[in-house]
Amino acid sequence: MRADPLAYLTTELNTLREQGLYRSLRVLDSRQQATSRFDGRTVVNLSSNNYLGLTTHPKLVEAAIQAIRDFGVGSGSVRTIAGTMAIHMELERRLAVFKKTEAVVVFQSGFTANAGTVSSILTKDDVVISDALNHASIIDGCRLSRAAIKVFPHKDLAAARTVLQELPASQRKLLITDGVFSMDGDLGPLPGLCDLAEEFGCIMMVDDAHASGVFGANGRGTVDHFKMHGRVDIQVGTLSKAVGALGGYVAGTRDFIEFLYHRARPFLFSTSHPPSVAATCIAALDVLEQEPDIIDRLWDNTRFFKAGLVAMGFDTGASESPITPVFAGEGSRAMKLSDRLFEEGVFAQGIAFPTVARDKARVRTIVTATHTKDELQFALDAFGKVGKELGLI
C-alpha cells in the first residue's frame, strides 16, 4: 500500500490536540442572529460579524428574492467578459456616493479586495510601511506584490516616522493600516498616519472592514469618523460584516479603480457576485441611510456589555469598538474559556496563535444591534461564572 504523503499533517493535528488548541467547526443550523443554534444548542451568539443584524433584515431578504426572480441565481462570468451586470454597476455607484469617493470596485471578499489591490499597484521596487497588527489579507497582498515590507510596532507613529525617514524620497511608498483592528478592537491612528503620508509622499490606504457600517455617519467608516475625507487614497471595506451579505470593495479615484479593472487578479479571474448578493448590498445601503438608529442600538449594547465585563474584572485590552477581547493568556486557557461558555449557553470563539501572539490568546466577543439587554446580561452572568472557575477574575 502506498504511504500517505500527507501523514505529517495528522501529526500536526495531534500536536494541536495535545496543546488544547484543536477546534471543530461550530455548525449553524438556524438564522445568523443574536441567539442562534450551533451544534444543536441554542446559544447567545457573540461570535458573528453581523453587527447590525442585517443578515435577516426583511428589506435585504426581499431584495435578494426579487433579484433572483429577475436575473437568476448567477452571473455566469468574470466581470471583464460577460459577468458585469447593471446591478453590479449600480452597487458600485451607490458605494462611491456613500463613501464620498469618485469610484468603487467590488470584489468577491474583503480578503481579495485587500490582497488584490496591494499586489496590483506595487512592484518589487516599491515599499510597504505596515502596522504590525494589520490583517492577514494586507500581509498576503504585500507578499504577492514582492515589494519590500517595513513593519512598525502597533500604532507607533514615531516608529513609522523613523522607517519613512530611512527610505529614499524617490521610492514609491504605501502606508497602510486597519481602521479597526479585528482582534483587539482598537482604532488605527488615522490622523497621524495621514500627516505622515503627506509629509513623506506616501499612498495612504485604510482597511475599514470592521468599521464599515459601525463608525462614521451612517456607518461610512473611520475615514468619516476621523474626518479624513480627501486624505486617504485607498479605502477598503467589506460587504460581509455589518452590511450582512458577501464581498469587499475598494474606493478611490476613477483612474485608480479603472486600473484595478485591468490589473487586479481577483477581479480578472473570479466570477462576479450573484445578482441577489448585489441587490442585498444595495438594500443594506438603503437601511444604513434610512435607519441610522440601528447603529445607535449597536453602540448602546456595546457600552452595556463592555461595562459589565470591566466591572467583573476581565482584561478587555484597548478595545474602542463592538469587538471586545477577553484575554486569557495561554491558548489552551482561552479554548477552555470558550468551551465552558458554550456549555453555559454563550458562543464566544477562542482565538490563539498564530492568529494572535502566543501569550495574548483570548475569547473575542462581538456585540450586535439586535442583542437584547436580557441576552447580554445572560452572557455576562455566564462570563462571571466561568471566569471565576478559571481564575480569570
Protein backbone atom coordinates (compact mmCIF):
# COMPACT_ATOMS: atom_id res chain seq x y z
CA MET A 1 0.00 0.00 0.00
CA ARG A 2 1.25 3.47 -0.89
CA ALA A 3 2.43 5.51 2.09
CA ASP A 4 0.33 8.59 2.75
CA PRO A 5 2.42 11.63 1.68
CA LEU A 6 0.21 13.84 3.86
CA ALA A 7 0.67 11.82 7.05
CA TYR A 8 2.71 14.62 8.56
CA LEU A 9 -0.47 16.70 8.73
CA THR A 10 -2.02 14.11 11.05
CA THR A 11 0.98 14.60 13.31
CA GLU A 12 0.40 18.35 13.26
CA LEU A 13 -3.26 17.90 14.15
CA ASN A 14 -2.38 15.58 17.03
CA THR A 15 0.02 18.22 18.34
CA LEU A 16 -2.84 20.75 18.33
CA ARG A 17 -4.97 18.28 20.27
CA GLU A 18 -2.23 17.76 22.85
CA GLN A 19 -1.86 21.54 23.26
CA GLY A 20 -5.61 22.01 23.74
CA LEU A 21 -5.81 24.10 20.57
CA TYR A 22 -7.69 21.75 18.24
CA ARG A 23 -11.08 23.14 17.26
CA SER A 24 -14.03 21.55 15.50
CA LEU A 25 -16.15 23.81 13.34
CA ARG A 26 -19.27 25.03 15.07
CA VAL A 27 -22.20 24.32 12.73
CA LEU A 28 -25.02 26.86 12.48
CA ASP A 29 -28.45 25.36 11.79
CA SER A 30 -30.59 28.47 12.19
CA ARG A 31 -30.52 32.07 11.06
CA GLN A 32 -27.38 34.04 11.90
CA GLN A 33 -28.76 36.24 14.65
CA ALA A 34 -28.30 37.33 18.27
CA THR A 35 -29.44 33.96 19.61
CA SER A 36 -28.76 31.09 17.23
CA ARG A 37 -28.45 27.30 17.14
CA PHE A 38 -24.90 25.97 16.86
CA ASP A 39 -24.20 22.24 17.08
CA GLY A 40 -27.82 21.72 18.07
CA ARG A 41 -27.58 24.05 21.07
CA THR A 42 -29.36 27.42 21.39
CA VAL A 43 -26.79 29.99 22.48
CA VAL A 44 -26.32 33.74 22.74
CA ASN A 45 -24.15 34.43 19.71
CA LEU A 46 -21.16 36.68 20.43
CA SER A 47 -19.01 35.42 17.55
CA SER A 48 -20.70 36.80 14.46
CA ASN A 49 -19.63 39.85 12.43
CA ASN A 50 -23.31 40.54 11.79
CA TYR A 51 -23.01 43.86 13.65
CA LEU A 52 -26.37 45.33 12.64
CA GLY A 53 -28.38 42.13 12.25
CA LEU A 54 -28.83 42.79 8.54
CA THR A 55 -28.41 39.12 7.52
CA THR A 56 -32.12 38.70 8.28
CA HIS A 57 -33.44 42.23 7.67
CA PRO A 58 -36.73 41.97 5.70
CA LYS A 59 -35.68 44.59 3.15
CA LEU A 60 -32.49 42.70 2.34
CA VAL A 61 -34.25 39.35 2.15
CA GLU A 62 -36.88 40.71 -0.23
CA ALA A 63 -34.26 42.42 -2.41
CA ALA A 64 -32.39 39.12 -2.78
CA ILE A 65 -35.53 37.17 -3.67
CA GLN A 66 -36.62 39.75 -6.24
CA ALA A 67 -33.17 39.80 -7.87
CA ILE A 68 -33.26 36.01 -8.24
CA ARG A 69 -36.67 36.25 -9.89
CA ASP A 70 -35.46 38.99 -12.24
CA PHE A 71 -31.93 37.82 -13.07
CA GLY A 72 -31.46 34.23 -11.89
CA VAL A 73 -29.00 32.85 -9.36
CA GLY A 74 -25.66 33.57 -11.02
CA SER A 75 -23.83 35.95 -13.33
CA GLY A 76 -22.10 33.28 -15.40
CA SER A 77 -18.79 35.01 -15.98
CA VAL A 78 -16.00 37.20 -14.72
CA ARG A 79 -16.58 40.94 -14.81
CA THR A 80 -14.25 41.57 -17.76
CA ILE A 81 -16.01 39.13 -20.11
CA ALA A 82 -19.78 38.74 -19.69
CA GLY A 83 -20.28 38.99 -15.94
CA THR A 84 -20.78 42.73 -15.41
CA MET A 85 -24.49 43.26 -14.84
CA ALA A 86 -26.29 46.57 -14.45
CA ILE A 87 -26.90 45.72 -10.81
CA HIS A 88 -23.12 45.45 -10.21
CA MET A 89 -22.59 48.90 -11.67
CA GLU A 90 -25.41 50.31 -9.58
CA LEU A 91 -23.92 48.84 -6.40
CA GLU A 92 -20.54 50.40 -7.19
CA ARG A 93 -22.16 53.75 -7.96
CA ARG A 94 -24.08 53.70 -4.68
CA LEU A 95 -20.99 52.74 -2.71
CA ALA A 96 -18.97 55.58 -4.25
CA VAL A 97 -21.62 58.08 -3.22
CA PHE A 98 -21.80 56.53 0.25
CA LYS A 99 -18.02 56.67 0.72
CA LYS A 100 -17.73 60.15 -0.85
CA THR A 101 -15.20 59.00 -3.44
CA GLU A 102 -15.09 59.15 -7.24
CA ALA A 103 -15.47 55.42 -7.82
CA VAL A 104 -15.65 51.95 -6.26
CA VAL A 105 -14.92 48.42 -7.44
CA VAL A 106 -16.48 45.40 -5.74
CA PHE A 107 -14.52 42.20 -5.10
CA GLN A 108 -15.65 38.72 -4.10
CA SER A 109 -14.48 39.18 -0.50
CA GLY A 110 -12.77 41.66 1.78
CA PHE A 111 -9.70 39.42 1.68
CA THR A 112 -9.43 39.58 -2.11
CA ALA A 113 -10.11 43.32 -2.05
CA ASN A 114 -7.05 43.89 0.14
CA ALA A 115 -4.76 41.32 -1.40
CA GLY A 116 -5.79 42.11 -4.96
CA THR A 117 -5.32 45.84 -4.54
CA VAL A 118 -1.92 45.84 -2.86
CA SER A 119 -0.49 43.23 -5.22
CA SER A 120 -1.77 45.17 -8.25
CA ILE A 121 -0.45 48.65 -7.54
CA LEU A 122 3.05 47.81 -6.23
CA THR A 123 6.17 46.19 -7.67
CA LYS A 124 9.41 44.78 -6.28
CA ASP A 125 10.90 48.28 -6.43
CA ASP A 126 8.32 49.71 -4.02
CA VAL A 127 7.91 49.53 -0.25
CA VAL A 128 5.03 48.98 2.14
CA ILE A 129 5.02 50.51 5.62
CA SER A 130 2.57 48.41 7.62
CA ASP A 131 1.23 48.28 11.18
CA ALA A 132 2.36 45.13 13.00
CA LEU A 133 -1.25 44.04 13.63
CA ASN A 134 -2.65 44.63 10.15
CA HIS A 135 -4.98 41.97 8.77
CA ALA A 136 -3.61 38.84 7.09
CA SER A 137 -5.09 39.90 3.74
CA ILE A 138 -2.90 43.01 3.78
CA ILE A 139 0.16 40.93 4.60
CA ASP A 140 -0.59 38.48 1.79
CA GLY A 141 -1.12 41.31 -0.68
CA CYS A 142 2.22 42.80 0.30
CA ARG A 143 3.97 39.48 -0.22
CA LEU A 144 2.32 38.94 -3.60
CA SER A 145 3.43 42.38 -4.76
CA ARG A 146 7.08 41.47 -3.99
CA ALA A 147 7.51 44.97 -2.58
CA ALA A 148 9.77 45.45 0.42
CA ILE A 149 7.81 45.32 3.68
CA LYS A 150 8.64 47.54 6.64
CA VAL A 151 6.61 46.81 9.78
CA PHE A 152 6.25 49.34 12.59
CA PRO A 153 5.04 48.49 16.12
CA HIS A 154 1.29 48.69 16.60
CA LYS A 155 0.02 52.28 16.32
CA ASP A 156 3.53 53.67 16.95
CA LEU A 157 3.63 56.86 14.88
CA ALA A 158 7.16 57.72 15.98
CA ALA A 159 8.41 54.35 14.79
CA ALA A 160 6.57 54.73 11.48
CA ARG A 161 8.24 58.12 11.02
CA THR A 162 11.66 56.60 11.67
CA VAL A 163 11.01 53.96 8.99
CA LEU A 164 9.92 56.60 6.49
CA GLN A 165 12.92 58.82 7.20
CA GLU A 166 15.25 55.98 6.27
CA LEU A 167 13.66 55.38 2.84
CA PRO A 168 14.70 57.13 -0.36
CA ALA A 169 12.45 60.08 -1.16
CA SER A 170 12.03 58.82 -4.73
CA GLN A 171 10.81 55.34 -3.75
CA ARG A 172 7.10 54.65 -4.08
CA LYS A 173 5.66 54.02 -0.63
CA LEU A 174 2.35 52.60 0.59
CA LEU A 175 1.44 53.41 4.20
CA ILE A 176 -1.30 51.07 5.36
CA THR A 177 -3.37 50.43 8.48
CA ASP A 178 -6.55 48.76 9.61
CA GLY A 179 -9.28 51.22 10.53
CA VAL A 180 -10.45 48.88 13.30
CA PHE A 181 -8.10 46.08 14.29
CA SER A 182 -10.03 42.84 14.12
CA MET A 183 -8.57 41.07 17.15
CA ASP A 184 -8.16 43.92 19.68
CA GLY A 185 -10.99 46.18 18.56
CA ASP A 186 -8.93 49.38 18.74
CA LEU A 187 -8.76 52.09 16.08
CA GLY A 188 -5.88 52.89 13.78
CA PRO A 189 -4.34 56.35 14.35
CA LEU A 190 -5.59 57.74 11.04
CA PRO A 191 -4.97 61.46 11.57
CA GLY A 192 -1.33 60.93 12.49
CA LEU A 193 -0.77 58.45 9.68
CA CYS A 194 -2.34 60.81 7.15
CA ASP A 195 0.07 63.51 8.34
CA LEU A 196 2.99 61.14 7.77
CA ALA A 197 1.70 60.08 4.35
CA GLU A 198 1.51 63.69 3.23
CA GLU A 199 4.89 64.60 4.68
CA PHE A 200 6.70 61.68 3.04
CA GLY A 201 4.68 61.38 -0.17
CA CYS A 202 3.07 58.01 0.60
CA ILE A 203 -0.01 56.39 -0.83
CA MET A 204 -2.34 56.22 2.19
CA MET A 205 -4.52 53.10 2.50
CA VAL A 206 -7.04 52.07 5.16
CA ASP A 207 -8.72 48.68 5.55
CA ASP A 208 -12.09 49.58 7.03
CA ALA A 209 -13.63 46.11 7.12
CA HIS A 210 -14.69 46.22 10.78
CA ALA A 211 -15.57 49.93 10.61
CA SER A 212 -17.96 49.64 7.66
CA GLY A 213 -21.47 50.11 8.99
CA VAL A 214 -20.13 50.76 12.50
CA PHE A 215 -18.14 54.02 12.60
CA GLY A 216 -18.80 57.37 10.97
CA ALA A 217 -22.06 58.95 9.82
CA ASN A 218 -24.46 56.16 8.77
CA GLY A 219 -21.57 53.70 9.07
CA ARG A 220 -19.28 55.28 6.48
CA GLY A 221 -16.17 54.11 8.35
CA THR A 222 -13.15 55.50 10.16
CA VAL A 223 -12.24 57.93 7.37
CA ASP A 224 -15.55 59.65 8.04
CA HIS A 225 -15.23 59.15 11.80
CA PHE A 226 -11.89 61.00 11.86
CA LYS A 227 -12.94 63.48 9.14
CA MET A 228 -10.12 62.34 6.87
CA HIS A 229 -12.01 62.64 3.57
CA GLY A 230 -9.63 63.53 0.76
CA ARG A 231 -6.57 62.44 2.76
CA VAL A 232 -6.89 58.66 2.31
CA ASP A 233 -6.11 57.48 -1.21
CA ILE A 234 -7.42 53.91 -0.91
CA GLN A 235 -10.30 52.76 1.25
CA VAL A 236 -11.15 49.08 1.55
CA GLY A 237 -14.44 47.99 3.03
CA THR A 238 -16.47 44.84 3.39
CA LEU A 239 -19.95 43.75 2.43
CA SER A 240 -19.69 40.60 4.56
CA LYS A 241 -19.92 42.02 8.08
CA ALA A 242 -22.21 44.90 9.07
CA VAL A 243 -23.67 45.04 5.55
CA GLY A 244 -24.82 41.47 6.11
CA ALA A 245 -24.07 39.87 2.74
CA LEU A 246 -20.81 38.96 0.97
CA GLY A 247 -17.88 40.71 -0.68
CA GLY A 248 -15.45 43.57 -0.34
CA TYR A 249 -14.97 46.87 -2.09
CA VAL A 250 -12.23 49.37 -2.83
CA ALA A 251 -12.93 53.10 -3.05
CA GLY A 252 -10.77 55.85 -4.56
CA THR A 253 -10.24 57.93 -7.67
CA ARG A 254 -11.76 56.95 -11.01
CA ASP A 255 -8.38 56.23 -12.61
CA PHE A 256 -7.32 54.07 -9.65
CA ILE A 257 -10.49 51.99 -9.93
CA GLU A 258 -10.13 51.71 -13.72
CA PHE A 259 -6.59 50.44 -13.18
CA LEU A 260 -7.89 47.72 -10.83
CA TYR A 261 -10.39 46.72 -13.53
CA HIS A 262 -7.38 45.96 -15.73
CA ARG A 263 -4.85 44.54 -13.25
CA ALA A 264 -6.45 43.20 -10.05
CA ARG A 265 -6.26 39.42 -10.37
CA PRO A 266 -9.32 38.57 -8.21
CA PHE A 267 -11.39 40.91 -10.40
CA LEU A 268 -9.98 39.43 -13.60
CA PHE A 269 -10.19 35.75 -12.71
CA SER A 270 -13.18 35.25 -10.38
CA THR A 271 -16.84 35.11 -11.35
CA SER A 272 -18.79 38.19 -10.30
CA HIS A 273 -21.32 38.30 -7.49
CA PRO A 274 -24.69 36.64 -7.96
CA PRO A 275 -27.27 39.35 -8.65
CA SER A 276 -29.04 38.52 -5.38
CA VAL A 277 -25.90 39.48 -3.42
CA ALA A 278 -25.53 42.79 -5.26
CA ALA A 279 -29.20 43.59 -4.68
CA THR A 280 -28.86 42.72 -1.00
CA CYS A 281 -25.94 45.12 -0.62
CA ILE A 282 -27.85 47.96 -2.28
CA ALA A 283 -30.74 47.33 0.10
CA ALA A 284 -28.29 47.41 3.02
CA LEU A 285 -27.08 50.86 1.96
CA ASP A 286 -30.73 51.99 1.98
CA VAL A 287 -31.07 50.72 5.55
CA LEU A 288 -27.86 52.44 6.68
CA GLU A 289 -29.06 55.75 5.25
CA GLN A 290 -32.71 55.49 6.28
CA GLU A 291 -32.47 53.72 9.67
CA PRO A 292 -29.45 55.23 11.46
CA ASP A 293 -30.94 54.29 14.84
CA ILE A 294 -29.80 50.71 14.20
CA ILE A 295 -26.20 51.89 14.65
CA ASP A 296 -27.18 53.72 17.83
CA ARG A 297 -28.54 50.42 19.22
CA LEU A 298 -25.26 48.71 18.35
CA TRP A 299 -23.29 51.25 20.36
CA ASP A 300 -25.73 51.21 23.28
CA ASN A 301 -25.33 47.43 23.51
CA THR A 302 -21.56 47.72 23.13
CA ARG A 303 -21.26 50.13 26.05
CA PHE A 304 -23.50 47.95 28.24
CA PHE A 305 -21.56 44.77 27.59
CA LYS A 306 -18.09 46.31 27.91
CA ALA A 307 -19.04 47.95 31.20
CA GLY A 308 -20.25 44.61 32.54
CA LEU A 309 -17.05 42.78 31.65
CA VAL A 310 -14.84 45.51 33.09
CA ALA A 311 -16.89 45.69 36.30
CA MET A 312 -16.24 41.98 36.87
CA GLY A 313 -12.50 42.48 36.43
CA PHE A 314 -11.89 40.95 32.99
CA ASP A 315 -8.99 42.24 30.91
CA THR A 316 -10.55 43.63 27.73
CA GLY A 317 -7.47 45.43 26.44
CA ALA A 318 -7.73 48.67 24.47
CA SER A 319 -10.96 47.97 22.58
CA GLU A 320 -12.80 51.00 21.19
CA SER A 321 -15.36 49.12 19.11
CA PRO A 322 -18.01 46.39 19.37
CA ILE A 323 -15.10 43.92 19.19
CA THR A 324 -14.18 43.23 22.81
CA PRO A 325 -11.46 40.67 23.55
CA VAL A 326 -11.45 38.87 26.90
CA PHE A 327 -7.81 37.95 27.48
CA ALA A 328 -6.94 34.55 28.89
CA GLY A 329 -3.18 34.31 28.30
CA GLU A 330 -2.28 30.84 27.04
CA GLY A 331 -4.10 29.35 24.08
CA SER A 332 -5.38 26.28 25.94
CA ARG A 333 -6.90 28.52 28.61
CA ALA A 334 -8.70 30.63 26.01
CA MET A 335 -10.11 27.50 24.41
CA LYS A 336 -11.24 26.19 27.80
CA LEU A 337 -12.96 29.52 28.46
CA SER A 338 -14.71 29.32 25.09
CA ASP A 339 -15.81 25.72 25.60
CA ARG A 340 -17.17 26.34 29.10
CA LEU A 341 -19.06 29.42 27.90
CA PHE A 342 -20.64 27.32 25.17
CA GLU A 343 -21.76 24.80 27.78
CA GLU A 344 -23.35 27.69 29.67
CA GLY A 345 -25.20 28.88 26.56
CA VAL A 346 -22.84 31.53 25.13
CA PHE A 347 -20.90 31.20 21.88
CA ALA A 348 -17.70 33.27 22.07
CA GLN A 349 -14.91 31.81 19.97
CA GLY A 350 -11.43 31.32 21.34
CA ILE A 351 -8.55 32.89 19.40
CA ALA A 352 -4.94 31.72 19.79
CA PHE A 353 -1.58 31.59 17.99
CA PRO A 354 -0.90 32.08 15.08
CA THR A 355 -3.86 34.47 14.78
CA VAL A 356 -2.61 36.34 17.86
CA ALA A 357 0.62 36.26 19.88
CA ARG A 358 1.20 33.13 22.00
CA ASP A 359 0.67 34.98 25.29
CA LYS A 360 -2.28 37.02 24.02
CA ALA A 361 -4.89 34.29 23.50
CA ARG A 362 -8.40 35.47 24.12
CA VAL A 363 -12.07 34.93 23.60
CA ARG A 364 -13.23 37.53 21.09
CA THR A 365 -16.74 38.86 21.62
CA ILE A 366 -18.77 40.93 19.17
CA VAL A 367 -21.96 42.63 20.27
CA THR A 368 -24.67 43.38 17.69
CA ALA A 369 -27.53 45.85 17.40
CA THR A 370 -30.07 43.05 17.71
CA HIS A 371 -28.95 41.65 21.06
CA THR A 372 -31.43 42.38 23.83
CA LYS A 373 -30.24 43.56 27.22
CA ASP A 374 -31.52 40.27 28.67
CA GLU A 375 -29.36 38.29 26.23
CA LEU A 376 -26.32 40.38 27.04
CA GLN A 377 -26.91 40.07 30.78
CA PHE A 378 -27.25 36.30 30.38
CA ALA A 379 -23.88 36.31 28.61
CA LEU A 380 -22.30 38.47 31.32
CA ASP A 381 -23.57 36.11 34.01
CA ALA A 382 -22.01 33.19 32.15
CA PHE A 383 -18.71 35.05 31.83
CA GLY A 384 -18.78 35.76 35.55
CA LYS A 385 -19.39 32.12 36.48
CA VAL A 386 -16.77 30.67 34.11
CA GLY A 387 -14.26 33.44 34.72
CA LYS A 388 -14.23 32.62 38.43
CA GLU A 389 -13.87 28.90 37.70
CA LEU A 390 -10.77 29.55 35.57
CA GLY A 391 -9.24 32.17 37.84
CA LEU A 392 -9.58 34.98 35.29
CA ILE A 393 -11.42 37.23 37.74
